[in-house]
Amino acid sequence: MAVVSWKEILLLSGLVVGCYWNSLSCGFVFDDVSAILDNKDLRPSTPIHNLFLNDFWGTPMAEERSHKSYRPLTVLTFRLNYLFSELSAASYHLLNVILHAVVCVLFLRVCRLFLDKTSSLVAALLFAVHPIHTEAVTGVVGRAELLSSIFLLAAFLAYTKSTGPDHSIVWPPIALTVVLVAAATLCKEQGITVVGVCCVYEIFVAQGFTLPMLVDTIWQVLQGKDGFPYAVLQTLLKLIVLVISTLLLVIIRVQVIQSQLPVFTR
C-alpha cells in the first residue's frame, strides 16, 4: 500500500481549510442549541461519568423523553471545547474543520488500497470538497459524523492488515478493529456498519472470491462433496469473531437504551 506523503496531506488540508474557513465566523444553529448551549454535560460542574449515562442532548437515557442517541465520545469533545473556550463557537467550528481534514487523509489511505496513486488522490480531493459534507462540517453537531468516520476508516484500515503474508490470521489488527468499531459507534451509531464493509472486503478482496465461486464453494460443502478449504476456514473464523463482537456491541447498545425506543413529540 502506497503511503500518503506530507505534500498530499498539506494539499488536502489546505483544500479543506479553503472550503470551510468561512464556517469559523458562524455561530450555533439548529441542533447546536440543544447539544451545546443547553447541554449541562459540557459544564465542568457536571461529573464526567454523566456523559456515559445521558444521551447526546444531556437527557438521562432512562427518561422517556430521551432521544436515545448515545454518543458519549462526541459529547466529550464538546466538553473539551468548552474547557478551552467555553461557548466561543469559533473553536467548535475549527475543530470540525480539522477533523474533516483527518477524515480526508484517511479516505486517501483507503483509496490507495484499490486505486493507483493519481486516481486515489483525485478521489480524495473530490471527497474533500464534495458539498454533501457541508452540514457535517459546518454544523457543530455534525462532529458526530466526523468522529465516527475517523474511527470507521481507521477500523477498516486496521482490518486490512489482519492477513499475514502466508494467509495466516494476524490477531492484533482484528482486536484493534473491534476497539475502533466500538469507538466509532460511541461517536455515532452508524459506525458499526464498518463490520459489514470488513466482511465484504475479506470475502471478495482478501480471499479473492467472486460471487459464483462463493456460491459454488458453499454448494459443494452443503452437498458433502468437499470439506472446507483451509483458506475458507480462516475466513470463517475471522468473520465469526467480527460478527460476535458486533452482536455484543448491539446487546450493550440495547441495554443502554433499556430496550426502549425513543418517543418523539409532534
Protein backbone atom coordinates (compact mmCIF):
# COMPACT_ATOMS: atom_id res chain seq x y z
CA MET A 1 0.00 0.00 0.00
CA ALA A 2 1.41 3.35 -1.04
CA VAL A 3 1.86 5.73 1.84
CA VAL A 4 0.40 9.21 1.97
CA SER A 5 3.07 11.87 1.58
CA TRP A 6 3.30 15.11 3.54
CA LYS A 7 2.64 17.04 0.33
CA GLU A 8 -0.64 15.20 -0.16
CA ILE A 9 -1.62 15.79 3.47
CA LEU A 10 -0.89 19.51 3.12
CA LEU A 11 -2.78 19.67 -0.17
CA LEU A 12 -5.87 18.02 1.29
CA SER A 13 -5.69 20.09 4.48
CA GLY A 14 -5.27 23.33 2.52
CA LEU A 15 -8.24 22.49 0.33
CA VAL A 16 -10.40 21.71 3.37
CA VAL A 17 -9.40 24.97 5.07
CA GLY A 18 -10.07 26.91 1.87
CA CYS A 19 -13.56 25.44 1.58
CA TYR A 20 -14.60 25.72 5.22
CA TRP A 21 -12.67 28.71 6.57
CA ASN A 22 -15.80 30.84 6.45
CA SER A 23 -17.50 28.49 8.92
CA LEU A 24 -15.26 29.85 11.70
CA SER A 25 -17.37 33.00 11.79
CA CYS A 26 -20.61 31.05 12.19
CA GLY A 27 -22.47 30.65 15.44
CA PHE A 28 -24.57 27.85 16.91
CA VAL A 29 -27.65 26.98 14.86
CA PHE A 30 -30.46 24.43 14.84
CA ASP A 31 -29.48 21.33 16.86
CA ASP A 32 -26.31 23.07 18.11
CA VAL A 33 -28.51 24.97 20.55
CA SER A 34 -29.71 21.79 22.30
CA ALA A 35 -26.41 19.92 22.03
CA ILE A 36 -24.11 22.78 23.06
CA LEU A 37 -25.82 25.79 24.60
CA ASP A 38 -28.45 23.89 26.62
CA ASN A 39 -26.40 20.77 27.38
CA LYS A 40 -25.27 20.71 31.02
CA ASP A 41 -22.91 17.79 30.32
CA LEU A 42 -20.45 20.26 28.79
CA ARG A 43 -20.02 22.17 32.06
CA PRO A 44 -17.08 21.30 34.34
CA SER A 45 -19.51 21.23 37.27
CA THR A 46 -21.19 18.14 35.79
CA PRO A 47 -19.49 14.83 36.72
CA ILE A 48 -17.78 13.41 33.66
CA HIS A 49 -19.39 10.00 34.15
CA ASN A 50 -22.74 11.65 33.33
CA LEU A 51 -21.62 11.67 29.68
CA PHE A 52 -21.98 7.88 29.74
CA LEU A 53 -25.39 7.99 31.43
CA ASN A 54 -27.06 10.67 29.31
CA ASP A 55 -27.95 10.94 25.64
CA PHE A 56 -26.41 13.28 23.07
CA TRP A 57 -28.54 16.17 24.34
CA GLY A 58 -27.79 15.73 28.04
CA THR A 59 -31.03 13.94 28.94
CA PRO A 60 -30.74 10.82 31.13
CA MET A 61 -31.14 7.71 28.98
CA ALA A 62 -33.62 6.28 31.49
CA GLU A 63 -36.10 9.12 30.94
CA GLU A 64 -38.94 8.61 28.49
CA ARG A 65 -38.22 11.95 26.80
CA SER A 66 -34.66 10.86 25.99
CA HIS A 67 -33.74 10.88 22.30
CA LYS A 68 -31.77 7.62 22.92
CA SER A 69 -28.86 8.91 20.84
CA TYR A 70 -25.86 7.56 22.75
CA ARG A 71 -22.70 9.38 21.60
CA PRO A 72 -20.57 9.98 24.72
CA LEU A 73 -17.24 10.33 22.87
CA THR A 74 -18.66 13.12 20.71
CA VAL A 75 -20.03 14.92 23.77
CA LEU A 76 -16.61 14.51 25.41
CA THR A 77 -15.02 16.54 22.58
CA PHE A 78 -17.67 19.24 23.07
CA ARG A 79 -16.73 19.30 26.74
CA LEU A 80 -13.06 19.74 25.82
CA ASN A 81 -14.04 22.67 23.59
CA TYR A 82 -15.97 24.19 26.48
CA LEU A 83 -12.96 23.71 28.77
CA PHE A 84 -10.73 25.78 26.46
CA SER A 85 -13.16 28.38 25.09
CA GLU A 86 -16.49 27.90 26.86
CA LEU A 87 -19.19 28.90 24.34
CA SER A 88 -17.00 30.57 21.73
CA ALA A 89 -18.40 28.99 18.56
CA ALA A 90 -15.20 29.56 16.54
CA SER A 91 -13.25 26.87 18.43
CA TYR A 92 -16.01 24.30 17.88
CA HIS A 93 -16.06 25.04 14.15
CA LEU A 94 -12.26 25.00 13.94
CA LEU A 95 -12.07 21.52 15.45
CA ASN A 96 -14.70 20.32 12.97
CA VAL A 97 -12.59 21.59 10.07
CA ILE A 98 -9.50 19.85 11.45
CA LEU A 99 -11.44 16.59 11.89
CA HIS A 100 -12.69 16.79 8.30
CA ALA A 101 -9.09 17.10 7.11
CA VAL A 102 -8.21 13.97 9.10
CA VAL A 103 -11.14 12.11 7.52
CA CYS A 104 -9.92 13.11 4.06
CA VAL A 105 -6.39 11.83 4.73
CA LEU A 106 -7.76 8.51 6.00
CA PHE A 107 -10.03 8.32 2.97
CA LEU A 108 -6.96 8.74 0.76
CA ARG A 109 -5.30 5.84 2.59
CA VAL A 110 -8.35 3.68 1.91
CA CYS A 111 -8.40 4.69 -1.76
CA ARG A 112 -4.75 3.65 -2.07
CA LEU A 113 -5.86 0.07 -1.37
CA PHE A 114 -7.89 -0.06 -4.58
CA LEU A 115 -6.66 2.71 -6.91
CA ASP A 116 -3.37 3.94 -8.31
CA LYS A 117 -1.63 6.95 -6.75
CA THR A 118 -3.11 9.60 -9.05
CA SER A 119 -6.67 8.25 -9.10
CA SER A 120 -6.76 7.87 -5.33
CA LEU A 121 -5.56 11.45 -4.85
CA VAL A 122 -8.22 12.76 -7.24
CA ALA A 123 -10.86 10.74 -5.37
CA ALA A 124 -9.71 12.18 -2.03
CA LEU A 125 -9.69 15.75 -3.41
CA LEU A 126 -13.25 15.32 -4.68
CA PHE A 127 -14.23 13.85 -1.31
CA ALA A 128 -12.71 16.84 0.49
CA VAL A 129 -14.73 19.42 -1.44
CA HIS A 130 -17.96 17.50 -2.03
CA PRO A 131 -20.91 19.62 -0.89
CA ILE A 132 -22.66 16.64 0.70
CA HIS A 133 -20.28 17.08 3.67
CA THR A 134 -21.25 20.72 4.28
CA GLU A 135 -23.72 20.07 7.09
CA ALA A 136 -21.42 17.59 8.84
CA VAL A 137 -18.53 20.07 8.85
CA THR A 138 -20.21 23.44 9.39
CA GLY A 139 -22.86 22.26 11.85
CA VAL A 140 -21.20 21.66 15.21
CA VAL A 141 -23.40 18.62 15.94
CA GLY A 142 -22.10 17.19 12.65
CA ARG A 143 -18.96 16.32 14.60
CA ALA A 144 -20.64 13.01 15.40
CA GLU A 145 -20.35 12.08 11.71
CA LEU A 146 -16.75 13.30 11.51
CA LEU A 147 -15.56 11.37 14.56
CA SER A 148 -17.48 8.27 13.56
CA SER A 149 -15.93 8.44 10.08
CA ILE A 150 -12.41 8.71 11.51
CA PHE A 151 -12.81 5.59 13.63
CA LEU A 152 -14.74 3.78 10.87
CA LEU A 153 -12.00 4.31 8.28
CA ALA A 154 -9.29 3.52 10.84
CA ALA A 155 -11.10 0.28 11.73
CA PHE A 156 -11.22 -0.75 8.07
CA LEU A 157 -7.53 0.08 7.56
CA ALA A 158 -6.66 -1.97 10.64
CA TYR A 159 -8.67 -4.92 9.38
CA THR A 160 -6.86 -4.94 6.02
CA LYS A 161 -3.69 -5.86 7.93
CA SER A 162 -5.26 -8.93 9.57
CA THR A 163 -3.98 -11.37 6.94
CA GLY A 164 -0.31 -12.37 7.06
CA PRO A 165 1.96 -12.98 4.05
CA ASP A 166 1.27 -16.73 4.34
CA HIS A 167 -2.51 -16.06 4.57
CA SER A 168 -2.48 -16.75 8.31
CA ILE A 169 -4.63 -14.72 10.70
CA VAL A 170 -2.94 -11.79 12.41
CA TRP A 171 -4.98 -11.22 15.56
CA PRO A 172 -3.75 -7.81 16.86
CA PRO A 173 -5.25 -5.88 13.89
CA ILE A 174 -8.56 -7.71 14.42
CA ALA A 175 -8.56 -6.77 18.11
CA LEU A 176 -7.76 -3.17 17.14
CA THR A 177 -10.60 -3.26 14.60
CA VAL A 178 -13.09 -4.28 17.28
CA VAL A 179 -11.93 -1.45 19.58
CA LEU A 180 -12.15 1.10 16.75
CA VAL A 181 -15.62 -0.14 15.76
CA ALA A 182 -16.75 0.37 19.36
CA ALA A 183 -15.26 3.89 19.35
CA ALA A 184 -16.97 4.72 16.04
CA THR A 185 -20.30 3.52 17.46
CA LEU A 186 -19.83 5.64 20.59
CA CYS A 187 -19.43 8.68 18.33
CA LYS A 188 -22.46 7.92 16.17
CA GLU A 189 -24.48 4.76 15.85
CA GLN A 190 -23.86 4.01 12.17
CA GLY A 191 -20.16 3.46 12.90
CA ILE A 192 -21.00 -0.20 13.49
CA THR A 193 -21.71 -0.65 9.76
CA VAL A 194 -17.97 -0.88 9.04
CA VAL A 195 -18.19 -4.51 10.18
CA GLY A 196 -20.23 -5.25 7.04
CA VAL A 197 -17.61 -3.48 4.92
CA CYS A 198 -14.87 -5.60 6.51
CA CYS A 199 -16.81 -8.80 5.80
CA VAL A 200 -17.26 -7.89 2.14
CA TYR A 201 -13.57 -6.96 1.88
CA GLU A 202 -12.48 -10.24 3.46
CA ILE A 203 -14.56 -12.42 1.13
CA PHE A 204 -14.24 -10.64 -2.21
CA VAL A 205 -10.89 -8.83 -1.93
CA ALA A 206 -8.64 -10.54 0.61
CA GLN A 207 -9.77 -14.07 -0.35
CA GLY A 208 -10.47 -13.23 -3.99
CA PHE A 209 -13.87 -14.90 -4.23
CA THR A 210 -16.29 -13.94 -6.96
CA LEU A 211 -19.99 -14.39 -6.27
CA PRO A 212 -20.26 -17.52 -8.49
CA MET A 213 -17.16 -19.00 -6.80
CA LEU A 214 -18.60 -18.32 -3.36
CA VAL A 215 -21.95 -19.89 -4.23
CA ASP A 216 -20.24 -22.92 -5.77
CA THR A 217 -17.99 -23.43 -2.72
CA ILE A 218 -20.96 -23.26 -0.34
CA TRP A 219 -22.95 -25.63 -2.55
CA GLN A 220 -20.10 -28.18 -2.67
CA VAL A 221 -19.78 -28.09 1.12
CA LEU A 222 -23.55 -28.44 1.67
CA GLN A 223 -23.62 -31.47 -0.62
CA GLY A 224 -20.78 -33.02 1.33
CA LYS A 225 -18.63 -33.36 -1.78
CA ASP A 226 -15.79 -31.37 -0.31
CA GLY A 227 -14.64 -30.14 3.07
CA PHE A 228 -13.95 -26.54 3.86
CA PRO A 229 -10.70 -25.38 2.26
CA TYR A 230 -8.18 -24.05 4.79
CA ALA A 231 -8.50 -20.50 3.40
CA VAL A 232 -12.27 -20.65 3.83
CA LEU A 233 -11.92 -21.85 7.42
CA GLN A 234 -9.56 -18.94 8.13
CA THR A 235 -12.08 -16.54 6.62
CA LEU A 236 -14.96 -18.02 8.60
CA LEU A 237 -13.03 -17.74 11.85
CA LYS A 238 -12.28 -14.05 11.27
CA LEU A 239 -15.87 -13.30 10.25
CA ILE A 240 -17.25 -15.16 13.28
CA VAL A 241 -15.07 -13.05 15.59
CA LEU A 242 -16.31 -9.87 13.87
CA VAL A 243 -19.96 -10.91 13.97
CA ILE A 244 -19.85 -11.95 17.64
CA SER A 245 -18.14 -8.68 18.55
CA THR A 246 -20.82 -6.78 16.65
CA LEU A 247 -23.61 -8.66 18.39
CA LEU A 248 -22.05 -7.82 21.76
CA LEU A 249 -21.96 -4.14 20.81
CA VAL A 250 -25.61 -4.31 19.76
CA ILE A 251 -26.59 -6.00 23.02
CA ILE A 252 -24.75 -3.37 25.05
CA ARG A 253 -26.40 -0.62 22.99
CA VAL A 254 -29.85 -2.11 23.63
CA GLN A 255 -29.07 -2.32 27.34
CA VAL A 256 -28.01 1.33 27.38
CA ILE A 257 -31.37 2.46 25.97
CA GLN A 258 -33.06 -0.02 28.34
CA SER A 259 -34.77 -1.77 25.42
CA GLN A 260 -36.92 1.30 24.78
CA LEU A 261 -37.39 3.17 21.53
CA PRO A 262 -37.42 6.99 21.68
CA VAL A 263 -40.78 8.70 21.92
CA PHE A 264 -40.91 11.74 19.64
CA THR A 265 -43.35 14.55 20.23
CA ARG A 266 -45.09 16.32 17.37
